[in-house]
Amino acid sequence: MLEHNSLFERLERGASKPGAAVASIAAHLGKMLSTRAGSVRTLPDYGLPDLNDMRLSLHESLSQSRLHIERFIQAYEPRLTNVRVRLLPVVRDSLSLAFAIEAERMIEGALHPVVFHARLIDTGRVEVCADDA
C-alpha cells in the first residue's frame, strides 16, 4: 500500500531509522528502472528502452542494457557516485534479467560502498533491494 505522507513527515520518520537512506535509494532505483524511455514528457531521456525490443545479439543486448542502466543511474540518482552495473548469472530461468549495482555514497564526508541487487520481474517492473552483507 502506498503512503501519502508529506515530504517532511517522510523525512522525519526516515531519519531515525538505520538504513533508511539505503532503503530510500533502493526504492528510487526500482521506480527509475521500471520507467520506460519516452514516458516522462518533461524529461525525454528519462527511462530505459524496452529491453525486449533490441535488435542485437543476446550478448550485445545485455551489454547495451548494462550500459543504459549505468548511465541512467549516474544521471538521475545523485546520492550515488562511481556507479558500476554488473550482470548476474541466471539462476531460476533463462529469461530473467538480474544485475548488481555497485556504487559509493557520501556519509559524513567519506565515500562508502553500497551494493544493490535488481531483477526484472514478470510484470516488467524492476525489483531492487540493498545487499545487507
Protein backbone atom coordinates (compact mmCIF):
# COMPACT_ATOMS: atom_id res chain seq x y z
CA MET A 1 0.00 0.00 0.00
CA LEU A 2 1.37 3.42 -0.92
CA GLU A 3 1.90 6.01 1.76
CA HIS A 4 0.72 9.55 1.10
CA ASN A 5 2.51 11.44 3.85
CA SER A 6 4.01 14.89 3.40
CA LEU A 7 7.67 15.27 2.50
CA PHE A 8 8.54 16.46 6.00
CA GLU A 9 6.74 13.53 7.62
CA ARG A 10 8.66 11.10 5.45
CA LEU A 11 11.98 12.82 6.12
CA GLU A 12 11.40 12.95 9.86
CA ARG A 13 10.35 9.31 10.11
CA GLY A 14 13.19 8.07 7.88
CA ALA A 15 15.93 9.99 9.65
CA SER A 16 15.61 7.95 12.83
CA LYS A 17 15.81 4.51 11.21
CA PRO A 18 19.21 2.98 10.45
CA GLY A 19 19.46 2.01 6.80
CA ALA A 20 16.61 4.31 5.80
CA ALA A 21 18.76 6.17 3.28
CA VAL A 22 19.80 2.95 1.54
CA ALA A 23 16.18 1.74 1.50
CA SER A 24 15.14 5.08 0.03
CA ILE A 25 17.77 4.77 -2.71
CA ALA A 26 16.67 1.19 -3.46
CA ALA A 27 13.03 2.30 -3.75
CA HIS A 28 14.00 5.15 -6.05
CA LEU A 29 16.14 2.85 -8.22
CA GLY A 30 13.21 0.44 -8.51
CA LYS A 31 10.93 3.24 -9.72
CA MET A 32 13.56 4.60 -12.09
CA LEU A 33 14.40 1.26 -13.66
CA SER A 34 10.72 0.40 -14.09
CA THR A 35 10.14 3.55 -16.16
CA ARG A 36 10.27 3.20 -19.93
CA ALA A 37 12.03 5.77 -22.11
CA GLY A 38 9.68 8.38 -23.51
CA SER A 39 7.07 8.04 -20.78
CA VAL A 40 8.08 11.27 -18.99
CA ARG A 41 7.30 14.18 -21.29
CA THR A 42 9.35 16.77 -19.40
CA LEU A 43 12.47 14.56 -19.43
CA PRO A 44 12.70 12.79 -22.79
CA ASP A 45 15.91 10.97 -21.79
CA TYR A 46 14.39 9.66 -18.53
CA GLY A 47 13.73 5.92 -18.50
CA LEU A 48 15.13 2.81 -20.08
CA PRO A 49 14.46 1.50 -23.57
CA ASP A 50 12.36 -1.63 -23.85
CA LEU A 51 14.98 -4.29 -23.25
CA ASN A 52 12.96 -6.81 -25.27
CA ASP A 53 12.93 -4.58 -28.34
CA MET A 54 16.65 -4.50 -29.02
CA ARG A 55 17.57 -5.96 -32.40
CA LEU A 56 21.01 -7.18 -31.40
CA SER A 57 22.54 -10.47 -30.37
CA LEU A 58 21.84 -11.60 -26.82
CA HIS A 59 25.37 -10.67 -25.71
CA GLU A 60 25.13 -7.22 -27.33
CA SER A 61 21.64 -6.65 -25.87
CA LEU A 62 22.85 -7.48 -22.37
CA SER A 63 25.90 -5.28 -22.77
CA GLN A 64 23.79 -2.36 -24.05
CA SER A 65 21.27 -2.88 -21.24
CA ARG A 66 24.04 -2.74 -18.64
CA LEU A 67 25.39 0.50 -20.12
CA HIS A 68 21.94 2.11 -20.34
CA ILE A 69 21.24 1.26 -16.70
CA GLU A 70 24.62 2.55 -15.54
CA ARG A 71 24.27 5.88 -17.38
CA PHE A 72 20.67 6.32 -16.25
CA ILE A 73 21.57 5.85 -12.58
CA GLN A 74 24.55 8.21 -12.88
CA ALA A 75 22.29 10.86 -14.39
CA TYR A 76 19.26 10.60 -12.09
CA GLU A 77 20.36 9.25 -8.70
CA PRO A 78 22.63 11.94 -7.22
CA ARG A 79 23.14 10.10 -3.94
CA LEU A 80 25.30 7.52 -5.75
CA THR A 81 28.71 8.01 -7.33
CA ASN A 82 31.09 5.71 -9.20
CA VAL A 83 28.18 3.54 -10.35
CA ARG A 84 29.01 0.17 -11.90
CA VAL A 85 26.39 -2.29 -13.11
CA ARG A 86 27.25 -5.96 -13.38
CA LEU A 87 25.01 -8.62 -14.89
CA LEU A 88 24.36 -11.54 -12.58
CA PRO A 89 24.29 -15.14 -13.75
CA VAL A 90 20.87 -16.56 -14.50
CA VAL A 91 19.65 -18.65 -11.57
CA ARG A 92 15.98 -19.55 -11.98
CA ASP A 93 15.03 -19.38 -15.64
CA SER A 94 16.88 -18.34 -18.74
CA LEU A 95 14.58 -15.39 -19.49
CA SER A 96 15.15 -13.45 -16.28
CA LEU A 97 17.47 -10.46 -16.07
CA ALA A 98 19.30 -9.72 -12.85
CA PHE A 99 22.16 -7.40 -12.08
CA ALA A 100 24.16 -5.88 -9.24
CA ILE A 101 24.51 -2.13 -8.87
CA GLU A 102 27.77 -1.30 -7.14
CA ALA A 103 28.34 2.32 -6.15
CA GLU A 104 29.52 4.65 -3.44
CA ARG A 105 27.59 7.14 -1.38
CA MET A 106 28.76 10.02 0.76
CA ILE A 107 28.31 9.59 4.52
CA GLU A 108 29.68 12.30 6.79
CA GLY A 109 32.27 13.42 4.24
CA ALA A 110 33.55 9.95 3.28
CA LEU A 111 32.62 7.63 0.43
CA HIS A 112 31.22 4.25 1.45
CA PRO A 113 30.48 1.31 -0.87
CA VAL A 114 26.91 0.16 -1.34
CA VAL A 115 25.53 -2.71 -3.42
CA PHE A 116 22.00 -3.23 -4.70
CA HIS A 117 20.58 -6.29 -6.40
CA ALA A 118 17.96 -5.78 -9.07
CA ARG A 119 15.90 -8.16 -11.14
CA LEU A 120 13.32 -7.77 -13.83
CA ILE A 121 10.09 -9.39 -12.68
CA ASP A 122 7.35 -10.74 -14.93
CA THR A 123 5.24 -7.58 -14.92
CA GLY A 124 8.04 -5.54 -16.46
CA ARG A 125 8.89 -3.89 -13.15
CA VAL A 126 12.38 -3.95 -11.74
CA GLU A 127 12.66 -5.02 -8.11
CA VAL A 128 15.66 -3.52 -6.26
CA CYS A 129 16.94 -4.41 -2.81
CA ALA A 130 20.05 -3.43 -0.89
CA ASP A 131 22.72 -6.01 -0.24
CA ASP A 132 22.95 -6.13 3.55
CA ALA A 133 26.11 -8.21 3.60
